[in-house]
Amino acid sequence: MNAMRASTLGTMICGSLLTSGCYWGFGAGPTLVSGRSSAKSGANSMTEVGFVFDYKRVVRVAYAGSLQFHHGALFTVDGQHVVVPLPNSVQVEVTAHRFPEEVYLRGMARAYWGSGIRVGPSGHEAVQGDSHGYGGLFGATVLFAGDDQGLGPTGLSISTGLLVASAQTPTLGHMTYFAPMLLVGYDFFPPSILYCWFVDEKCPHHLTPVKN
């Protein structure tokens, strides 16, 4: 039974890689706490990796795991330093306008969630039991697509938006914060990269290995 499950999981992963693309990106912005007079702003920055499916450049759906710098969004409430990790995100983009040269303007929405919020003196924060955080990011994306040679859904994206997030801990209660974000990401298609590495040396130079 375990072997069958492992085989099924492996088939699903291989199928996802062959029909979807991969994503790598970076995002950063300040965190602004709302409704707490004693609050101090902080920062929110992360790098992300995940899977994407971009249906005919009309609708793009993505899941990304966030490797957040400093373990999460940072701010201070009631003299306590707060670290809110939001390691999971699901994103939907819808193309609003297509420009020449494979450039797309898209509306973008993301949902974030996580748990294990840390509270305490700066540098000595401890995870709070029964704590959780979640948020939504809403904005726009400009995509510079790179698949005009038929090499799969590759492209460079620049996104900007506003993250509205909530955090709940037993000691500090409910907290709301905002984070204007700038995100830069790259979609790539693993089969096309392998094809360019091992089969077709006429691929664009950025998809071929560096020659000695």
C-alpha atoms as a PDB file:
ATOM      1  CA  MET A   1       0.000   0.000   0.000  1.00  0.00           C
ATOM      2  CA  ASN A   2       2.798   2.428   0.882  1.00  0.00           C
ATOM      3  CA  ALA A   3       4.569   1.599  -2.398  1.00  0.00           C
ATOM      4  CA  MET A   4       1.341   2.288  -4.318  1.00  0.00           C
ATOM      5  CA  ARG A   5       0.914   5.636  -2.571  1.00  0.00           C
ATOM      6  CA  ALA A   6       4.521   6.584  -3.277  1.00  0.00           C
ATOM      7  CA  SER A   7       4.062   5.619  -6.923  1.00  0.00           C
ATOM      8  CA  THR A   8       0.871   7.709  -7.187  1.00  0.00           C
ATOM      9  CA  LEU A   9       2.548  10.697  -5.554  1.00  0.00           C
ATOM     10  CA  GLY A  10       5.523  10.375  -7.883  1.00  0.00           C
ATOM     11  CA  THR A  11       3.223  10.250 -10.907  1.00  0.00           C
ATOM     12  CA  MET A  12       1.387  13.378  -9.728  1.00  0.00           C
ATOM     13  CA  ILE A  13       4.661  15.259  -9.202  1.00  0.00           C
ATOM     14  CA  CYS A  14       6.008  14.214 -12.604  1.00  0.00           C
ATOM     15  CA  GLY A  15       2.728  15.170 -14.243  1.00  0.00           C
ATOM     16  CA  SER A  16       2.792  18.572 -12.571  1.00  0.00           C
ATOM     17  CA  LEU A  17       6.337  19.217 -13.763  1.00  0.00           C
ATOM     18  CA  LEU A  18       5.482  18.234 -17.340  1.00  0.00           C
ATOM     19  CA  THR A  19       2.300  20.297 -17.591  1.00  0.00           C
ATOM     20  CA  SER A  20       3.111  23.228 -15.290  1.00  0.00           C
ATOM     21  CA  GLY A  21       5.962  25.605 -14.756  1.00  0.00           C
ATOM     22  CA  CYS A  22       8.021  26.494 -11.738  1.00  0.00           C
ATOM     23  CA  TYR A  23       8.320  29.861 -10.033  1.00  0.00           C
ATOM     24  CA  TRP A  24      11.032  31.660  -8.112  1.00  0.00           C
ATOM     25  CA  GLY A  25      10.633  35.170  -6.773  1.00  0.00           C
ATOM     26  CA  PHE A  26      11.502  37.817  -4.210  1.00  0.00           C
ATOM     27  CA  GLY A  27       9.307  40.324  -2.394  1.00  0.00           C
ATOM     28  CA  ALA A  28       9.778  43.126   0.115  1.00  0.00           C
ATOM     29  CA  GLY A  29       7.903  45.957   1.778  1.00  0.00           C
ATOM     30  CA  PRO A  30       7.224  47.714   5.100  1.00  0.00           C
ATOM     31  CA  THR A  31       4.663  46.520   7.682  1.00  0.00           C
ATOM     32  CA  LEU A  32       2.277  49.107   9.099  1.00  0.00           C
ATOM     33  CA  VAL A  33       0.232  48.101  12.156  1.00  0.00           C
ATOM     34  CA  SER A  34      -3.333  49.373  12.475  1.00  0.00           C
ATOM     35  CA  GLY A  35      -5.328  50.179  15.611  1.00  0.00           C
ATOM     36  CA  ARG A  36      -2.527  49.937  18.185  1.00  0.00           C
ATOM     37  CA  SER A  37      -1.211  53.263  19.506  1.00  0.00           C
ATOM     38  CA  SER A  38       1.916  51.621  20.915  1.00  0.00           C
ATOM     39  CA  ALA A  39       2.767  49.804  17.681  1.00  0.00           C
ATOM     40  CA  LYS A  40       5.918  50.360  15.642  1.00  0.00           C
ATOM     41  CA  SER A  41       6.300  49.499  11.983  1.00  0.00           C
ATOM     42  CA  GLY A  42       8.724  46.910  10.657  1.00  0.00           C
ATOM     43  CA  ALA A  43       9.503  45.060   7.441  1.00  0.00           C
ATOM     44  CA  ASN A  44       8.359  42.066   5.438  1.00  0.00           C
ATOM     45  CA  SER A  45      10.667  40.320   2.947  1.00  0.00           C
ATOM     46  CA  MET A  46      10.846  36.845   1.475  1.00  0.00           C
ATOM     47  CA  THR A  47      11.995  34.619  -1.345  1.00  0.00           C
ATOM     48  CA  GLU A  48       9.491  32.195  -2.855  1.00  0.00           C
ATOM     49  CA  VAL A  49       9.496  28.942  -4.816  1.00  0.00           C
ATOM     50  CA  GLY A  50       6.515  27.086  -6.220  1.00  0.00           C
ATOM     51  CA  PHE A  51       4.493  25.709  -9.138  1.00  0.00           C
ATOM     52  CA  VAL A  52       2.460  27.672 -11.682  1.00  0.00           C
ATOM     53  CA  PHE A  53      -0.069  26.869 -14.373  1.00  0.00           C
ATOM     54  CA  ASP A  54      -0.639  29.653 -16.898  1.00  0.00           C
ATOM     55  CA  TYR A  55      -3.598  28.752 -19.123  1.00  0.00           C
ATOM     56  CA  LYS A  56      -2.995  30.357 -22.536  1.00  0.00           C
ATOM     57  CA  ARG A  57      -1.681  33.452 -20.756  1.00  0.00           C
ATOM     58  CA  VAL A  58      -5.255  34.241 -19.709  1.00  0.00           C
ATOM     59  CA  VAL A  59      -5.414  32.874 -16.157  1.00  0.00           C
ATOM     60  CA  ARG A  60      -2.392  31.990 -14.060  1.00  0.00           C
ATOM     61  CA  VAL A  61      -2.713  29.910 -10.879  1.00  0.00           C
ATOM     62  CA  ALA A  62       0.245  29.388  -8.560  1.00  0.00           C
ATOM     63  CA  TYR A  63       1.190  27.871  -5.229  1.00  0.00           C
ATOM     64  CA  ALA A  64       4.355  29.104  -3.550  1.00  0.00           C
ATOM     65  CA  GLY A  65       6.186  28.329  -0.343  1.00  0.00           C
ATOM     66  CA  SER A  66       7.715  31.421   1.217  1.00  0.00           C
ATOM     67  CA  LEU A  67      11.179  31.281   2.772  1.00  0.00           C
ATOM     68  CA  GLN A  68      10.817  34.483   4.766  1.00  0.00           C
ATOM     69  CA  PHE A  69      13.800  36.489   5.873  1.00  0.00           C
ATOM     70  CA  HIS A  70      13.895  37.052   9.661  1.00  0.00           C
ATOM     71  CA  HIS A  71      11.232  34.279   9.873  1.00  0.00           C
ATOM     72  CA  GLY A  72       8.314  36.522   8.850  1.00  0.00           C
ATOM     73  CA  ALA A  73       6.755  39.974   8.880  1.00  0.00           C
ATOM     74  CA  LEU A  74       8.234  42.108  11.673  1.00  0.00           C
ATOM     75  CA  PHE A  75       6.667  44.792  13.874  1.00  0.00           C
ATOM     76  CA  THR A  76       6.359  45.811  17.541  1.00  0.00           C
ATOM     77  CA  VAL A  77       3.183  45.895  19.671  1.00  0.00           C
ATOM     78  CA  ASP A  78       2.984  46.867  23.377  1.00  0.00           C
ATOM     79  CA  GLY A  79       6.767  46.761  23.620  1.00  0.00           C
ATOM     80  CA  GLN A  80       6.907  43.185  22.311  1.00  0.00           C
ATOM     81  CA  HIS A  81       8.599  42.258  19.071  1.00  0.00           C
ATOM     82  CA  VAL A  82       6.254  40.253  16.817  1.00  0.00           C
ATOM     83  CA  VAL A  83       7.266  37.912  13.982  1.00  0.00           C
ATOM     84  CA  VAL A  84       4.419  36.660  11.783  1.00  0.00           C
ATOM     85  CA  PRO A  85       5.324  33.820   9.355  1.00  0.00           C
ATOM     86  CA  LEU A  86       3.077  33.395   6.324  1.00  0.00           C
ATOM     87  CA  PRO A  87       4.863  30.501   4.599  1.00  0.00           C
ATOM     88  CA  ASN A  88       2.076  29.425   2.229  1.00  0.00           C
ATOM     89  CA  SER A  89       0.405  31.321  -0.596  1.00  0.00           C
ATOM     90  CA  VAL A  90      -1.998  30.660  -3.458  1.00  0.00           C
ATOM     91  CA  GLN A  91      -2.135  33.211  -6.270  1.00  0.00           C
ATOM     92  CA  VAL A  92      -4.503  33.912  -9.142  1.00  0.00           C
ATOM     93  CA  GLU A  93      -3.740  36.347 -11.964  1.00  0.00           C
ATOM     94  CA  VAL A  94      -6.113  37.321 -14.777  1.00  0.00           C
ATOM     95  CA  THR A  95      -4.881  39.086 -17.907  1.00  0.00           C
ATOM     96  CA  ALA A  96      -6.539  42.476 -18.370  1.00  0.00           C
ATOM     97  CA  HIS A  97      -4.583  43.631 -21.428  1.00  0.00           C
ATOM     98  CA  ARG A  98      -2.002  42.193 -23.796  1.00  0.00           C
ATOM     99  CA  PHE A  99       0.594  44.558 -25.235  1.00  0.00           C
ATOM    100  CA  PRO A 100       2.855  43.848 -28.243  1.00  0.00           C
ATOM    101  CA  GLU A 101       6.019  41.771 -27.780  1.00  0.00           C
ATOM    102  CA  GLU A 102       4.344  39.322 -25.358  1.00  0.00           C
ATOM    103  CA  VAL A 103       3.846  41.823 -22.521  1.00  0.00           C
ATOM    104  CA  TYR A 104       0.785  41.325 -20.309  1.00  0.00           C
ATOM    105  CA  LEU A 105      -0.959  43.478 -17.702  1.00  0.00           C
ATOM    106  CA  ARG A 106      -2.724  41.374 -15.078  1.00  0.00           C
ATOM    107  CA  GLY A 107      -4.871  41.741 -12.002  1.00  0.00           C
ATOM    108  CA  MET A 108      -3.420  39.769  -9.108  1.00  0.00           C
ATOM    109  CA  ALA A 109      -4.764  38.328  -5.844  1.00  0.00           C
ATOM    110  CA  ARG A 110      -3.034  36.149  -3.265  1.00  0.00           C
ATOM    111  CA  ALA A 111      -4.072  34.352  -0.097  1.00  0.00           C
ATOM    112  CA  TYR A 112      -1.458  33.765   2.631  1.00  0.00           C
ATOM    113  CA  TRP A 113      -1.666  31.613   5.748  1.00  0.00           C
ATOM    114  CA  GLY A 114       0.591  30.344   8.525  1.00  0.00           C
ATOM    115  CA  SER A 115       0.972  29.675  12.236  1.00  0.00           C
ATOM    116  CA  GLY A 116       3.563  29.751  15.009  1.00  0.00           C
ATOM    117  CA  ILE A 117       3.725  33.514  15.585  1.00  0.00           C
ATOM    118  CA  ARG A 118       6.713  34.590  17.688  1.00  0.00           C
ATOM    119  CA  VAL A 119       6.489  37.214  20.440  1.00  0.00           C
ATOM    120  CA  GLY A 120       9.112  38.574  22.831  1.00  0.00           C
ATOM    121  CA  PRO A 121      12.134  40.844  23.154  1.00  0.00           C
ATOM    122  CA  SER A 122      13.929  41.472  19.873  1.00  0.00           C
ATOM    123  CA  GLY A 123      16.182  38.515  19.096  1.00  0.00           C
ATOM    124  CA  HIS A 124      14.562  36.339  21.782  1.00  0.00           C
ATOM    125  CA  GLU A 125      11.053  35.830  20.438  1.00  0.00           C
ATOM    126  CA  ALA A 126       9.270  32.611  21.392  1.00  0.00           C
ATOM    127  CA  VAL A 127       6.575  30.766  19.435  1.00  0.00           C
ATOM    128  CA  GLN A 128       3.100  31.332  20.885  1.00  0.00           C
ATOM    129  CA  GLY A 129       0.851  28.315  21.171  1.00  0.00           C
ATOM    130  CA  ASP A 130      -2.555  28.550  19.487  1.00  0.00           C
ATOM    131  CA  SER A 131      -1.422  31.444  17.285  1.00  0.00           C
ATOM    132  CA  HIS A 132      -2.082  31.932  13.604  1.00  0.00           C
ATOM    133  CA  GLY A 133      -1.898  34.461  10.816  1.00  0.00           C
ATOM    134  CA  TYR A 134      -3.462  34.961   7.416  1.00  0.00           C
ATOM    135  CA  GLY A 135      -3.713  37.673   4.803  1.00  0.00           C
ATOM    136  CA  GLY A 136      -4.612  38.738   1.281  1.00  0.00           C
ATOM    137  CA  LEU A 137      -2.477  40.577  -1.272  1.00  0.00           C
ATOM    138  CA  PHE A 138      -4.221  42.529  -4.020  1.00  0.00           C
ATOM    139  CA  GLY A 139      -2.523  44.362  -6.866  1.00  0.00           C
ATOM    140  CA  ALA A 140      -1.302  44.173 -10.458  1.00  0.00           C
ATOM    141  CA  THR A 141       1.408  42.344 -12.410  1.00  0.00           C
ATOM    142  CA  VAL A 142       3.313  43.147 -15.567  1.00  0.00           C
ATOM    143  CA  LEU A 143       4.548  39.951 -17.238  1.00  0.00           C
ATOM    144  CA  PHE A 144       7.295  39.919 -19.860  1.00  0.00           C
ATOM    145  CA  ALA A 145       6.671  36.510 -21.434  1.00  0.00           C
ATOM    146  CA  GLY A 146       9.564  34.571 -22.909  1.00  0.00           C
ATOM    147  CA  ASP A 147       7.856  31.639 -24.606  1.00  0.00           C
ATOM    148  CA  ASP A 148       7.625  32.968 -28.156  1.00  0.00           C
ATOM    149  CA  GLN A 149      10.022  30.185 -29.281  1.00  0.00           C
ATOM    150  CA  GLY A 150       7.600  27.554 -27.963  1.00  0.00           C
ATOM    151  CA  LEU A 151       9.839  26.698 -25.011  1.00  0.00           C
ATOM    152  CA  GLY A 152       7.120  26.635 -22.385  1.00  0.00           C
ATOM    153  CA  PRO A 153       5.643  29.203 -19.999  1.00  0.00           C
ATOM    154  CA  THR A 154       8.730  31.247 -19.144  1.00  0.00           C
ATOM    155  CA  GLY A 155       8.692  34.917 -18.215  1.00  0.00           C
ATOM    156  CA  LEU A 156       9.753  37.716 -15.893  1.00  0.00           C
ATOM    157  CA  SER A 157       7.042  39.310 -13.721  1.00  0.00           C
ATOM    158  CA  ILE A 158       6.981  42.515 -11.698  1.00  0.00           C
ATOM    159  CA  SER A 159       4.088  42.858  -9.238  1.00  0.00           C
ATOM    160  CA  THR A 160       2.984  45.523  -6.804  1.00  0.00           C
ATOM    161  CA  GLY A 161       0.152  45.323  -4.305  1.00  0.00           C
ATOM    162  CA  LEU A 162      -1.089  45.783  -0.764  1.00  0.00           C
ATOM    163  CA  LEU A 163      -0.974  42.928   1.738  1.00  0.00           C
ATOM    164  CA  VAL A 164      -3.741  43.111   4.357  1.00  0.00           C
ATOM    165  CA  ALA A 165      -2.961  40.608   7.106  1.00  0.00           C
ATOM    166  CA  SER A 166      -4.200  39.509  10.507  1.00  0.00           C
ATOM    167  CA  ALA A 167      -2.349  37.862  13.383  1.00  0.00           C
ATOM    168  CA  GLN A 168      -3.787  36.343  16.574  1.00  0.00           C
ATOM    169  CA  THR A 169      -1.837  35.388  19.707  1.00  0.00           C
ATOM    170  CA  PRO A 170      -2.968  34.559  23.279  1.00  0.00           C
ATOM    171  CA  THR A 171      -0.817  37.339  24.801  1.00  0.00           C
ATOM    172  CA  LEU A 172      -1.414  40.229  22.376  1.00  0.00           C
ATOM    173  CA  GLY A 173      -4.808  39.298  20.962  1.00  0.00           C
ATOM    174  CA  HIS A 174      -5.825  40.294  17.458  1.00  0.00           C
ATOM    175  CA  MET A 175      -3.509  42.449  15.345  1.00  0.00           C
ATOM    176  CA  THR A 176      -3.993  43.842  11.845  1.00  0.00           C
ATOM    177  CA  TYR A 177      -1.196  45.109   9.648  1.00  0.00           C
ATOM    178  CA  PHE A 178      -0.684  46.355   6.104  1.00  0.00           C
ATOM    179  CA  ALA A 179       2.325  45.792   3.862  1.00  0.00           C
ATOM    180  CA  PRO A 180       2.764  47.536   0.502  1.00  0.00           C
ATOM    181  CA  MET A 181       4.750  44.969  -1.470  1.00  0.00           C
ATOM    182  CA  LEU A 182       6.976  44.861  -4.537  1.00  0.00           C
ATOM    183  CA  LEU A 183       7.558  41.384  -5.985  1.00  0.00           C
ATOM    184  CA  VAL A 184       9.856  40.246  -8.770  1.00  0.00           C
ATOM    185  CA  GLY A 185       9.551  36.691 -10.066  1.00  0.00           C
ATOM    186  CA  TYR A 186      10.610  34.342 -12.828  1.00  0.00           C
ATOM    187  CA  ASP A 187       8.552  31.519 -14.335  1.00  0.00           C
ATOM    188  CA  PHE A 188      10.498  28.700 -15.941  1.00  0.00           C
ATOM    189  CA  PHE A 189       9.602  25.384 -17.540  1.00  0.00           C
ATOM    190  CA  PRO A 190      11.949  22.510 -16.507  1.00  0.00           C
ATOM    191  CA  PRO A 191      11.401  20.339 -19.635  1.00  0.00           C
ATOM    192  CA  SER A 192      12.398  23.220 -21.915  1.00  0.00           C
ATOM    193  CA  ILE A 193      15.563  23.855 -19.912  1.00  0.00           C
ATOM    194  CA  LEU A 194      16.551  20.182 -20.097  1.00  0.00           C
ATOM    195  CA  TYR A 195      15.788  20.199 -23.833  1.00  0.00           C
ATOM    196  CA  CYS A 196      18.032  23.214 -24.374  1.00  0.00           C
ATOM    197  CA  TRP A 197      20.817  21.771 -22.260  1.00  0.00           C
ATOM    198  CA  PHE A 198      20.959  18.352 -23.873  1.00  0.00           C
ATOM    199  CA  VAL A 199      19.208  18.471 -27.273  1.00  0.00           C
ATOM    200  CA  ASP A 200      19.011  21.837 -29.038  1.00  0.00           C
ATOM    201  CA  GLU A 201      22.015  24.145 -28.842  1.00  0.00           C
ATOM    202  CA  LYS A 202      20.142  26.816 -30.820  1.00  0.00           C
ATOM    203  CA  CYS A 203      17.961  27.743 -27.855  1.00  0.00           C
ATOM    204  CA  PRO A 204      18.199  31.301 -26.477  1.00  0.00           C
ATOM    205  CA  HIS A 205      21.497  31.834 -24.665  1.00  0.00           C
ATOM    206  CA  HIS A 206      19.836  32.326 -21.260  1.00  0.00           C
ATOM    207  CA  LEU A 207      18.506  28.747 -21.392  1.00  0.00           C
ATOM    208  CA  THR A 208      21.759  27.026 -22.351  1.00  0.00           C
ATOM    209  CA  PRO A 209      24.612  26.085 -19.976  1.00  0.00           C
ATOM    210  CA  VAL A 210      27.711  28.211 -19.901  1.00  0.00           C
ATOM    211  CA  LYS A 211      30.399  26.681 -22.096  1.00  0.00           C
ATOM    212  CA  ASN A 212      33.924  26.247 -20.770  1.00  0.00           C
END
